[in-house]
N, C-alpha and C. Protein backbone atom coordinates (compact mmCIF):
# COMPACT_ATOMS: atom_id res chain seq x y z
N MET A 1 12.27 160.65 4.77
CA MET A 1 10.89 160.90 5.22
C MET A 1 10.78 160.54 6.70
N HIS A 2 10.19 161.43 7.48
CA HIS A 2 10.02 161.21 8.91
C HIS A 2 8.54 160.96 9.22
N ILE A 3 8.28 159.82 9.82
CA ILE A 3 6.91 159.44 10.17
C ILE A 3 6.72 159.64 11.67
N GLY A 4 5.85 160.55 12.06
CA GLY A 4 5.51 160.75 13.46
C GLY A 4 4.25 159.96 13.79
N VAL A 5 4.26 159.30 14.95
CA VAL A 5 3.12 158.47 15.33
C VAL A 5 2.81 158.67 16.81
N ASP A 6 1.55 158.86 17.11
CA ASP A 6 1.09 158.87 18.50
C ASP A 6 1.16 157.43 19.03
N PHE A 7 1.10 157.26 20.33
CA PHE A 7 1.23 155.92 20.92
C PHE A 7 -0.09 155.37 21.44
N ASP A 8 -0.59 155.94 22.52
CA ASP A 8 -1.81 155.44 23.15
C ASP A 8 -3.02 155.60 22.24
N ASN A 9 -3.76 154.51 22.06
CA ASN A 9 -5.00 154.51 21.27
C ASN A 9 -4.76 154.76 19.78
N THR A 10 -3.50 154.70 19.37
CA THR A 10 -3.16 154.81 17.96
C THR A 10 -2.40 153.56 17.53
N LEU A 11 -1.24 153.33 18.12
CA LEU A 11 -0.54 152.06 17.92
C LEU A 11 -1.12 150.98 18.83
N VAL A 12 -1.46 151.38 20.06
CA VAL A 12 -1.89 150.43 21.08
C VAL A 12 -3.38 150.55 21.36
N SER A 13 -4.05 149.42 21.37
CA SER A 13 -5.48 149.38 21.69
C SER A 13 -5.67 148.97 23.15
N TYR A 14 -6.52 149.71 23.85
CA TYR A 14 -6.81 149.42 25.26
C TYR A 14 -8.26 148.99 25.47
N ASP A 15 -9.00 148.79 24.40
CA ASP A 15 -10.44 148.51 24.53
C ASP A 15 -10.71 147.30 25.43
N ALA A 16 -10.14 146.17 25.10
CA ALA A 16 -10.39 144.95 25.87
C ALA A 16 -9.87 145.08 27.30
N LEU A 17 -8.74 145.78 27.45
CA LEU A 17 -8.14 145.91 28.78
C LEU A 17 -8.98 146.80 29.68
N PHE A 18 -9.50 147.91 29.18
CA PHE A 18 -10.37 148.76 30.00
C PHE A 18 -11.61 147.98 30.42
N TYR A 19 -12.19 147.25 29.48
CA TYR A 19 -13.38 146.47 29.81
C TYR A 19 -13.07 145.42 30.88
N ARG A 20 -11.95 144.70 30.71
CA ARG A 20 -11.58 143.65 31.65
C ARG A 20 -11.33 144.21 33.05
N CYS A 21 -10.57 145.30 33.12
CA CYS A 21 -10.27 145.89 34.43
C CYS A 21 -11.53 146.42 35.11
N ALA A 22 -12.42 147.04 34.34
CA ALA A 22 -13.65 147.56 34.91
C ALA A 22 -14.56 146.43 35.40
N ARG A 23 -14.61 145.33 34.66
CA ARG A 23 -15.43 144.19 35.10
C ARG A 23 -14.85 143.55 36.36
N GLU A 24 -13.52 143.46 36.44
CA GLU A 24 -12.89 142.88 37.63
C GLU A 24 -13.24 143.67 38.88
N ARG A 25 -13.41 144.98 38.72
CA ARG A 25 -13.73 145.85 39.84
C ARG A 25 -15.24 146.04 39.99
N ARG A 26 -16.02 145.32 39.18
CA ARG A 26 -17.49 145.38 39.22
C ARG A 26 -18.01 146.80 39.01
N LEU A 27 -17.41 147.48 38.07
CA LEU A 27 -17.78 148.87 37.79
C LEU A 27 -18.81 149.00 36.67
N ILE A 28 -18.90 147.98 35.83
CA ILE A 28 -19.76 148.07 34.65
C ILE A 28 -20.53 146.76 34.49
N PRO A 29 -21.66 146.78 33.76
CA PRO A 29 -22.40 145.54 33.49
C PRO A 29 -21.70 144.72 32.42
N ALA A 30 -21.86 143.42 32.47
CA ALA A 30 -21.19 142.52 31.52
C ALA A 30 -21.61 142.79 30.09
N GLU A 31 -22.84 143.25 29.88
CA GLU A 31 -23.34 143.43 28.51
C GLU A 31 -22.84 144.72 27.85
N LEU A 32 -22.09 145.53 28.56
CA LEU A 32 -21.58 146.77 27.98
C LEU A 32 -20.63 146.45 26.83
N THR A 33 -20.67 147.26 25.79
CA THR A 33 -19.76 147.08 24.66
C THR A 33 -18.31 147.16 25.16
N PRO A 34 -17.47 146.18 24.82
CA PRO A 34 -16.11 146.13 25.37
C PRO A 34 -15.14 147.09 24.67
N THR A 35 -15.39 148.38 24.85
CA THR A 35 -14.49 149.39 24.30
C THR A 35 -14.17 150.41 25.38
N LYS A 36 -13.05 151.08 25.20
CA LYS A 36 -12.65 152.13 26.14
C LYS A 36 -13.71 153.21 26.21
N ALA A 37 -14.22 153.62 25.04
CA ALA A 37 -15.21 154.70 24.99
C ALA A 37 -16.47 154.32 25.75
N ALA A 38 -16.94 153.10 25.59
CA ALA A 38 -18.16 152.66 26.26
C ALA A 38 -17.97 152.63 27.78
N VAL A 39 -16.81 152.14 28.22
CA VAL A 39 -16.52 152.11 29.66
C VAL A 39 -16.47 153.52 30.21
N ARG A 40 -15.80 154.40 29.52
CA ARG A 40 -15.70 155.79 29.98
C ARG A 40 -17.07 156.45 30.08
N GLU A 41 -17.89 156.29 29.05
CA GLU A 41 -19.21 156.93 29.05
C GLU A 41 -20.09 156.39 30.17
N TRP A 42 -20.00 155.09 30.42
CA TRP A 42 -20.78 154.49 31.51
C TRP A 42 -20.36 155.07 32.85
N LEU A 43 -19.06 155.10 33.08
CA LEU A 43 -18.57 155.58 34.38
C LEU A 43 -18.87 157.06 34.58
N TRP A 44 -18.77 157.83 33.54
CA TRP A 44 -19.04 159.27 33.66
C TRP A 44 -20.48 159.56 34.07
N ARG A 45 -21.37 158.61 33.81
CA ARG A 45 -22.79 158.80 34.18
C ARG A 45 -23.07 158.38 35.62
N GLN A 46 -22.07 157.80 36.29
CA GLN A 46 -22.26 157.33 37.65
C GLN A 46 -21.77 158.37 38.67
N PRO A 47 -22.29 158.30 39.91
CA PRO A 47 -21.78 159.20 40.96
C PRO A 47 -20.27 159.00 41.15
N GLU A 48 -19.55 160.11 41.21
CA GLU A 48 -18.08 160.07 41.35
C GLU A 48 -17.43 159.32 40.19
N GLY A 49 -18.14 159.26 39.08
CA GLY A 49 -17.64 158.49 37.94
C GLY A 49 -16.35 159.01 37.34
N ASN A 50 -16.17 160.32 37.33
CA ASN A 50 -14.94 160.87 36.76
C ASN A 50 -13.72 160.45 37.58
N THR A 51 -13.88 160.44 38.91
CA THR A 51 -12.79 160.00 39.78
C THR A 51 -12.47 158.53 39.54
N VAL A 52 -13.50 157.70 39.44
CA VAL A 52 -13.30 156.27 39.21
C VAL A 52 -12.62 156.05 37.85
N TRP A 53 -13.06 156.81 36.85
CA TRP A 53 -12.46 156.69 35.51
C TRP A 53 -10.97 157.06 35.55
N THR A 54 -10.64 158.11 36.25
CA THR A 54 -9.24 158.54 36.36
C THR A 54 -8.40 157.47 37.04
N GLN A 55 -8.95 156.85 38.08
CA GLN A 55 -8.24 155.76 38.76
C GLN A 55 -8.04 154.56 37.82
N LEU A 56 -9.07 154.26 37.04
CA LEU A 56 -9.00 153.14 36.11
C LEU A 56 -7.93 153.39 35.04
N GLN A 57 -7.85 154.62 34.57
CA GLN A 57 -6.81 154.96 33.59
C GLN A 57 -5.42 154.70 34.16
N GLY A 58 -5.22 155.11 35.41
CA GLY A 58 -3.92 154.88 36.04
C GLY A 58 -3.57 153.40 36.09
N GLU A 59 -4.57 152.57 36.37
CA GLU A 59 -4.34 151.12 36.42
C GLU A 59 -3.99 150.56 35.05
N VAL A 60 -4.76 150.95 34.04
CA VAL A 60 -4.56 150.41 32.69
C VAL A 60 -3.22 150.85 32.11
N TYR A 61 -2.92 152.14 32.19
CA TYR A 61 -1.70 152.65 31.59
C TYR A 61 -0.46 152.40 32.45
N GLY A 62 -0.68 151.91 33.67
CA GLY A 62 0.44 151.66 34.57
C GLY A 62 0.65 150.19 34.84
N ALA A 63 0.07 149.71 35.95
CA ALA A 63 0.32 148.34 36.40
C ALA A 63 -0.14 147.28 35.41
N ARG A 64 -1.17 147.59 34.58
CA ARG A 64 -1.71 146.59 33.66
C ARG A 64 -1.27 146.82 32.21
N MET A 65 -0.35 147.74 32.00
CA MET A 65 0.05 148.10 30.64
C MET A 65 0.52 146.90 29.82
N ALA A 66 1.17 145.95 30.47
CA ALA A 66 1.70 144.78 29.75
C ALA A 66 0.62 143.99 29.04
N GLU A 67 -0.65 144.15 29.46
CA GLU A 67 -1.74 143.39 28.87
C GLU A 67 -2.35 144.06 27.64
N ALA A 68 -1.89 145.28 27.33
CA ALA A 68 -2.41 145.99 26.16
C ALA A 68 -1.95 145.30 24.87
N VAL A 69 -2.67 145.56 23.78
CA VAL A 69 -2.38 144.88 22.52
C VAL A 69 -2.25 145.89 21.38
N TRP A 70 -1.66 145.44 20.30
CA TRP A 70 -1.57 146.26 19.08
C TRP A 70 -2.97 146.50 18.50
N PHE A 71 -3.15 147.63 17.85
CA PHE A 71 -4.24 147.73 16.90
C PHE A 71 -3.86 146.87 15.70
N PRO A 72 -4.80 146.13 15.13
CA PRO A 72 -4.46 145.27 13.99
C PRO A 72 -3.77 146.07 12.88
N GLY A 73 -2.63 145.57 12.45
CA GLY A 73 -1.91 146.20 11.35
C GLY A 73 -0.90 147.25 11.75
N ALA A 74 -0.90 147.67 13.03
CA ALA A 74 0.04 148.71 13.45
C ALA A 74 1.47 148.21 13.40
N ASP A 75 1.68 146.97 13.84
CA ASP A 75 3.03 146.41 13.80
C ASP A 75 3.49 146.18 12.36
N THR A 76 2.55 145.80 11.49
CA THR A 76 2.88 145.64 10.07
C THR A 76 3.32 146.96 9.46
N PHE A 77 2.67 148.04 9.88
CA PHE A 77 3.05 149.37 9.37
C PHE A 77 4.46 149.73 9.80
N LEU A 78 4.81 149.47 11.07
CA LEU A 78 6.15 149.79 11.53
C LEU A 78 7.20 148.95 10.79
N SER A 79 6.87 147.70 10.50
CA SER A 79 7.78 146.86 9.72
C SER A 79 7.95 147.42 8.31
N PHE A 80 6.86 147.89 7.73
CA PHE A 80 6.91 148.52 6.40
C PHE A 80 7.84 149.73 6.42
N CYS A 81 7.72 150.56 7.47
CA CYS A 81 8.56 151.75 7.58
C CYS A 81 10.04 151.36 7.64
N ARG A 82 10.34 150.31 8.38
CA ARG A 82 11.74 149.89 8.48
C ARG A 82 12.25 149.38 7.14
N ARG A 83 11.45 148.59 6.45
CA ARG A 83 11.87 148.06 5.14
C ARG A 83 12.14 149.19 4.15
N ARG A 84 11.34 150.23 4.22
CA ARG A 84 11.48 151.33 3.26
C ARG A 84 12.44 152.41 3.74
N GLY A 85 13.06 152.20 4.88
CA GLY A 85 14.04 153.16 5.37
C GLY A 85 13.44 154.47 5.85
N LEU A 86 12.21 154.43 6.36
CA LEU A 86 11.53 155.63 6.85
C LEU A 86 11.80 155.81 8.34
N ALA A 87 12.23 156.98 8.73
CA ALA A 87 12.49 157.26 10.15
C ALA A 87 11.16 157.39 10.88
N VAL A 88 11.02 156.68 11.99
CA VAL A 88 9.79 156.72 12.79
C VAL A 88 10.08 157.36 14.14
N PHE A 89 9.19 158.28 14.53
CA PHE A 89 9.27 158.91 15.84
C PHE A 89 7.94 158.70 16.56
N ILE A 90 8.01 158.16 17.77
CA ILE A 90 6.82 158.00 18.61
C ILE A 90 6.74 159.23 19.49
N ILE A 91 5.69 160.03 19.32
CA ILE A 91 5.56 161.29 20.05
C ILE A 91 4.21 161.28 20.75
N SER A 92 4.26 161.24 22.09
CA SER A 92 3.04 161.01 22.87
C SER A 92 2.92 161.99 24.02
N HIS A 93 1.71 162.49 24.23
CA HIS A 93 1.40 163.29 25.42
C HIS A 93 1.11 162.30 26.55
N LYS A 94 2.09 162.09 27.42
CA LYS A 94 1.94 161.10 28.49
C LYS A 94 2.60 161.62 29.76
N LEU A 95 1.81 161.78 30.80
CA LEU A 95 2.37 162.21 32.07
C LEU A 95 3.22 161.09 32.68
N LYS A 96 4.09 161.46 33.60
CA LYS A 96 4.98 160.46 34.20
C LYS A 96 4.24 159.59 35.21
N TYR A 97 3.31 160.18 35.96
CA TYR A 97 2.58 159.43 36.98
C TYR A 97 1.08 159.69 36.84
N PRO A 98 0.24 158.74 37.22
CA PRO A 98 -1.21 158.94 37.15
C PRO A 98 -1.68 160.00 38.13
N ALA A 99 -2.80 160.63 37.80
CA ALA A 99 -3.36 161.68 38.66
C ALA A 99 -3.87 161.10 39.97
N LEU A 100 -4.36 159.86 39.94
CA LEU A 100 -4.87 159.19 41.13
C LEU A 100 -4.38 157.75 41.15
N GLY A 101 -4.38 157.15 42.32
CA GLY A 101 -4.01 155.75 42.44
C GLY A 101 -2.53 155.55 42.70
N PRO A 102 -2.06 154.30 42.62
CA PRO A 102 -0.66 153.97 42.90
C PRO A 102 0.29 154.77 42.01
N ARG A 103 1.43 155.14 42.58
CA ARG A 103 2.40 155.97 41.86
C ARG A 103 3.28 155.09 40.96
N VAL A 104 2.71 154.65 39.86
CA VAL A 104 3.41 153.84 38.87
C VAL A 104 3.92 154.77 37.77
N ASN A 105 5.15 154.58 37.35
CA ASN A 105 5.71 155.41 36.28
C ASN A 105 5.11 154.97 34.95
N LEU A 106 4.22 155.79 34.40
CA LEU A 106 3.51 155.43 33.18
C LEU A 106 4.43 155.38 31.97
N ARG A 107 5.44 156.22 31.96
CA ARG A 107 6.37 156.24 30.83
C ARG A 107 7.23 154.98 30.83
N GLU A 108 7.67 154.57 31.99
CA GLU A 108 8.45 153.33 32.07
C GLU A 108 7.60 152.13 31.67
N ALA A 109 6.33 152.14 32.04
CA ALA A 109 5.43 151.05 31.66
C ALA A 109 5.28 150.99 30.14
N ALA A 110 5.14 152.15 29.51
CA ALA A 110 5.02 152.19 28.05
C ALA A 110 6.31 151.73 27.38
N LEU A 111 7.45 152.18 27.89
CA LEU A 111 8.73 151.76 27.31
C LEU A 111 8.95 150.26 27.46
N SER A 112 8.51 149.70 28.59
CA SER A 112 8.62 148.26 28.78
C SER A 112 7.77 147.52 27.76
N TRP A 113 6.57 148.03 27.50
CA TRP A 113 5.69 147.42 26.48
C TRP A 113 6.37 147.48 25.12
N MET A 114 6.96 148.62 24.80
CA MET A 114 7.65 148.77 23.51
C MET A 114 8.81 147.78 23.39
N GLU A 115 9.57 147.68 24.45
CA GLU A 115 10.71 146.76 24.42
C GLU A 115 10.25 145.32 24.20
N THR A 116 9.20 144.93 24.91
CA THR A 116 8.66 143.58 24.76
C THR A 116 8.18 143.32 23.35
N HIS A 117 7.69 144.36 22.69
CA HIS A 117 7.11 144.21 21.35
C HIS A 117 8.07 144.60 20.23
N GLY A 118 9.36 144.64 20.54
CA GLY A 118 10.37 144.74 19.49
C GLY A 118 10.67 146.11 18.94
N PHE A 119 10.26 147.16 19.63
CA PHE A 119 10.50 148.50 19.11
C PHE A 119 12.00 148.80 18.96
N PHE A 120 12.79 148.34 19.91
CA PHE A 120 14.21 148.71 19.94
C PHE A 120 15.12 147.56 19.51
N SER A 121 14.55 146.45 19.16
CA SER A 121 15.33 145.28 18.79
C SER A 121 15.84 145.37 17.36
N PRO A 122 17.11 145.00 17.12
CA PRO A 122 17.61 144.96 15.75
C PRO A 122 16.81 144.01 14.87
N GLY A 123 16.25 142.98 15.48
CA GLY A 123 15.42 142.06 14.73
C GLY A 123 13.96 142.46 14.66
N GLY A 124 13.63 143.59 15.32
CA GLY A 124 12.26 144.09 15.31
C GLY A 124 12.17 145.35 14.46
N PHE A 125 11.80 146.44 15.10
CA PHE A 125 11.63 147.69 14.36
C PHE A 125 12.86 148.57 14.39
N GLY A 126 13.81 148.26 15.26
CA GLY A 126 15.10 148.93 15.24
C GLY A 126 15.10 150.41 15.57
N LEU A 127 14.16 150.87 16.40
CA LEU A 127 14.14 152.28 16.77
C LEU A 127 15.22 152.59 17.80
N GLU A 128 15.78 153.79 17.72
CA GLU A 128 16.66 154.29 18.77
C GLU A 128 15.79 154.78 19.93
N SER A 129 16.32 154.72 21.14
CA SER A 129 15.54 155.18 22.29
C SER A 129 15.16 156.66 22.15
N ALA A 130 16.01 157.44 21.47
CA ALA A 130 15.73 158.86 21.29
C ALA A 130 14.56 159.12 20.35
N ALA A 131 14.11 158.07 19.65
CA ALA A 131 12.97 158.23 18.73
C ALA A 131 11.64 158.21 19.47
N VAL A 132 11.67 157.95 20.79
CA VAL A 132 10.45 157.94 21.60
C VAL A 132 10.44 159.18 22.48
N CYS A 133 9.40 159.98 22.33
CA CYS A 133 9.30 161.25 23.08
C CYS A 133 7.99 161.29 23.84
N PHE A 134 8.08 161.35 25.16
CA PHE A 134 6.90 161.53 26.01
C PHE A 134 6.87 162.98 26.47
N GLU A 135 5.75 163.65 26.24
CA GLU A 135 5.65 165.08 26.54
C GLU A 135 4.63 165.33 27.64
N ASP A 136 4.85 166.40 28.41
CA ASP A 136 4.00 166.74 29.55
C ASP A 136 2.69 167.41 29.15
N SER A 137 2.60 167.91 27.92
CA SER A 137 1.40 168.63 27.50
C SER A 137 1.22 168.51 25.99
N ARG A 138 0.02 168.82 25.53
CA ARG A 138 -0.22 168.83 24.08
C ARG A 138 0.66 169.87 23.41
N GLU A 139 0.82 171.02 24.06
CA GLU A 139 1.66 172.08 23.49
C GLU A 139 3.07 171.57 23.22
N HIS A 140 3.64 170.87 24.19
CA HIS A 140 4.99 170.34 24.01
C HIS A 140 5.01 169.23 22.95
N LYS A 141 3.95 168.46 22.88
CA LYS A 141 3.85 167.42 21.85
C LYS A 141 3.89 168.03 20.46
N LEU A 142 3.13 169.09 20.26
CA LEU A 142 3.11 169.73 18.95
C LEU A 142 4.46 170.35 18.62
N GLU A 143 5.10 170.91 19.61
CA GLU A 143 6.44 171.47 19.39
C GLU A 143 7.42 170.37 18.98
N ARG A 144 7.29 169.20 19.59
CA ARG A 144 8.19 168.09 19.28
C ARG A 144 7.96 167.58 17.87
N ILE A 145 6.71 167.56 17.43
CA ILE A 145 6.42 167.13 16.05
C ILE A 145 7.15 168.02 15.06
N GLY A 146 7.13 169.32 15.33
CA GLY A 146 7.85 170.24 14.46
C GLY A 146 9.35 170.08 14.58
N GLU A 147 9.83 169.91 15.78
CA GLU A 147 11.27 169.77 16.03
C GLU A 147 11.84 168.57 15.31
N ARG A 148 11.08 167.47 15.28
CA ARG A 148 11.56 166.25 14.62
C ARG A 148 11.32 166.28 13.11
N GLN A 149 10.82 167.39 12.62
CA GLN A 149 10.63 167.59 11.19
C GLN A 149 9.82 166.44 10.56
N CYS A 150 8.72 166.12 11.21
CA CYS A 150 7.87 165.03 10.71
C CYS A 150 7.27 165.40 9.35
N THR A 151 7.35 164.48 8.42
CA THR A 151 6.69 164.66 7.13
C THR A 151 5.18 164.53 7.31
N CYS A 152 4.79 163.55 8.13
CA CYS A 152 3.37 163.34 8.43
C CYS A 152 3.27 162.91 9.89
N PHE A 153 2.06 163.07 10.44
CA PHE A 153 1.84 162.63 11.81
C PHE A 153 0.52 161.88 11.88
N ILE A 154 0.57 160.71 12.54
CA ILE A 154 -0.59 159.83 12.65
C ILE A 154 -1.11 159.90 14.09
N GLU A 155 -2.38 160.21 14.24
CA GLU A 155 -2.95 160.57 15.55
C GLU A 155 -4.41 160.11 15.60
N ASP A 156 -4.87 159.71 16.80
CA ASP A 156 -6.27 159.28 16.94
C ASP A 156 -7.20 160.40 17.39
N LEU A 157 -6.66 161.53 17.83
CA LEU A 157 -7.49 162.63 18.33
C LEU A 157 -7.58 163.75 17.31
N LEU A 158 -8.80 163.99 16.83
CA LEU A 158 -9.01 165.04 15.85
C LEU A 158 -8.59 166.40 16.40
N GLU A 159 -8.83 166.61 17.71
CA GLU A 159 -8.51 167.93 18.27
C GLU A 159 -7.02 168.22 18.27
N VAL A 160 -6.19 167.18 18.28
CA VAL A 160 -4.74 167.41 18.18
C VAL A 160 -4.38 167.88 16.77
N LEU A 161 -4.89 167.18 15.76
CA LEU A 161 -4.59 167.55 14.39
C LEU A 161 -5.20 168.90 14.01
N SER A 162 -6.29 169.27 14.67
CA SER A 162 -6.99 170.53 14.36
C SER A 162 -6.47 171.70 15.18
N ASP A 163 -5.57 171.45 16.11
CA ASP A 163 -5.05 172.51 16.98
C ASP A 163 -4.36 173.58 16.13
N PRO A 164 -4.67 174.86 16.35
CA PRO A 164 -4.02 175.93 15.58
C PRO A 164 -2.50 175.91 15.68
N ALA A 165 -1.98 175.31 16.75
CA ALA A 165 -0.53 175.26 16.94
C ALA A 165 0.11 174.05 16.25
N PHE A 166 -0.69 173.22 15.58
CA PHE A 166 -0.11 172.07 14.89
C PHE A 166 0.86 172.57 13.83
N PRO A 167 2.07 171.99 13.77
CA PRO A 167 3.10 172.50 12.85
C PRO A 167 2.64 172.56 11.40
N SER A 168 2.83 173.67 10.77
CA SER A 168 2.44 173.83 9.37
C SER A 168 3.32 172.97 8.48
N GLY A 169 2.74 172.48 7.41
CA GLY A 169 3.49 171.68 6.46
C GLY A 169 3.52 170.20 6.77
N VAL A 170 3.10 169.81 7.97
CA VAL A 170 3.08 168.39 8.34
C VAL A 170 1.76 167.78 7.88
N ILE A 171 1.83 166.67 7.15
CA ILE A 171 0.64 165.99 6.66
C ILE A 171 -0.11 165.36 7.83
N LYS A 172 -1.41 165.61 7.92
CA LYS A 172 -2.20 165.17 9.06
C LYS A 172 -2.99 163.90 8.71
N ILE A 173 -2.75 162.84 9.48
CA ILE A 173 -3.42 161.57 9.25
C ILE A 173 -4.17 161.17 10.52
N LEU A 174 -5.48 161.03 10.41
CA LEU A 174 -6.32 160.65 11.54
C LEU A 174 -6.59 159.16 11.51
N PHE A 175 -6.24 158.48 12.60
CA PHE A 175 -6.59 157.07 12.76
C PHE A 175 -7.93 157.01 13.48
N ASP A 176 -8.96 156.58 12.78
CA ASP A 176 -10.33 156.63 13.28
C ASP A 176 -11.00 155.27 13.09
N PRO A 177 -10.59 154.26 13.89
CA PRO A 177 -11.09 152.89 13.66
C PRO A 177 -12.59 152.74 13.81
N ALA A 178 -13.22 153.58 14.60
CA ALA A 178 -14.68 153.48 14.78
C ALA A 178 -15.45 154.25 13.71
N GLY A 179 -14.75 154.97 12.86
CA GLY A 179 -15.41 155.74 11.81
C GLY A 179 -16.28 156.86 12.34
N GLU A 180 -15.85 157.50 13.41
CA GLU A 180 -16.65 158.54 14.05
C GLU A 180 -16.62 159.86 13.27
N VAL A 181 -15.56 160.08 12.50
CA VAL A 181 -15.43 161.34 11.75
C VAL A 181 -15.85 161.07 10.30
N GLN A 182 -17.08 161.43 9.99
CA GLN A 182 -17.61 161.16 8.66
C GLN A 182 -16.98 162.05 7.59
N THR A 183 -16.81 163.32 7.93
CA THR A 183 -16.24 164.28 6.99
C THR A 183 -15.10 165.01 7.67
N PRO A 184 -13.87 164.56 7.48
CA PRO A 184 -12.73 165.22 8.14
C PRO A 184 -12.57 166.66 7.66
N PRO A 185 -12.10 167.55 8.53
CA PRO A 185 -11.82 168.92 8.10
C PRO A 185 -10.79 168.93 6.97
N ASN A 186 -10.78 169.99 6.21
CA ASN A 186 -9.82 170.13 5.13
C ASN A 186 -8.39 169.97 5.67
N GLY A 187 -7.60 169.24 4.93
CA GLY A 187 -6.21 169.06 5.32
C GLY A 187 -5.96 167.85 6.21
N ILE A 188 -7.01 167.10 6.54
CA ILE A 188 -6.86 165.92 7.38
C ILE A 188 -7.41 164.70 6.63
N SER A 189 -6.59 163.67 6.51
CA SER A 189 -7.01 162.42 5.87
C SER A 189 -7.31 161.41 6.97
N ALA A 190 -8.50 160.82 6.92
CA ALA A 190 -8.93 159.88 7.96
C ALA A 190 -8.98 158.45 7.42
N PHE A 191 -8.54 157.51 8.26
CA PHE A 191 -8.53 156.10 7.88
C PHE A 191 -9.00 155.26 9.05
N ARG A 192 -9.72 154.18 8.74
CA ARG A 192 -10.24 153.31 9.79
C ARG A 192 -9.30 152.15 10.10
N SER A 193 -8.28 151.96 9.26
CA SER A 193 -7.37 150.83 9.47
C SER A 193 -5.94 151.25 9.22
N TRP A 194 -5.02 150.47 9.80
CA TRP A 194 -3.60 150.71 9.54
C TRP A 194 -3.22 150.33 8.12
N GLY A 195 -3.95 149.38 7.55
CA GLY A 195 -3.71 149.05 6.15
C GLY A 195 -3.98 150.24 5.26
N GLY A 196 -5.06 150.97 5.55
CA GLY A 196 -5.37 152.17 4.77
C GLY A 196 -4.31 153.24 4.93
N ILE A 197 -3.82 153.40 6.17
CA ILE A 197 -2.76 154.38 6.42
C ILE A 197 -1.49 154.00 5.65
N GLN A 198 -1.14 152.72 5.68
CA GLN A 198 0.07 152.28 4.98
C GLN A 198 -0.04 152.55 3.49
N SER A 199 -1.19 152.25 2.90
CA SER A 199 -1.38 152.50 1.47
C SER A 199 -1.25 153.98 1.16
N TYR A 200 -1.77 154.82 2.04
CA TYR A 200 -1.69 156.27 1.82
C TYR A 200 -0.24 156.75 1.93
N VAL A 201 0.47 156.28 2.94
CA VAL A 201 1.88 156.68 3.11
C VAL A 201 2.70 156.27 1.89
N GLU A 202 2.39 155.11 1.31
CA GLU A 202 3.10 154.66 0.12
C GLU A 202 2.95 155.67 -1.02
N THR A 203 1.80 156.33 -1.10
CA THR A 203 1.61 157.31 -2.18
C THR A 203 2.44 158.57 -1.95
N LEU A 204 2.92 158.76 -0.73
CA LEU A 204 3.71 159.95 -0.43
C LEU A 204 5.19 159.75 -0.73
N LEU A 205 5.60 158.51 -0.95
CA LEU A 205 7.01 158.21 -1.15
C LEU A 205 7.47 158.58 -2.57
């Protein structure tokens, strides 16, 4: 069984980090809800907000990536996959450099985070480096999911799972911690926690 997993905002949570970086730059009020979505919506309502948001993304996913944290239960899920002998592939739409700001290699920053958190360690999750795929576009990401013959794919963006080009036959799992999708489209199973995802994957074995 091949388990495909998105990386940003699926395994890794940036909520606290986006809030912290935005507060350090005095971009948002202290009382704002400390989530990525709240920071983005606030900035988008400000003059030149889209540019500021793009710069902030470059900072978070680049120079500050080391401060990002797991979504609760995501590491437990990867440990479960290793115990059960399930092949895991990390497949992410991630550009090499940010659109604005310092030219930090975003892929290297992500790989460094993975290394620090035991992705490639024999005593950790034991992934091969080839199991991590960073793609330049959503189109290439979907092609890679099919190429790796994923049994299922876990993703935080509904539009990715709903894309007409999503590989047929791959089980679609939406990670929706905020519970924003009340009624998922047919063929998509939505879960608010990694514990729920793990229980569902167990039923597929």
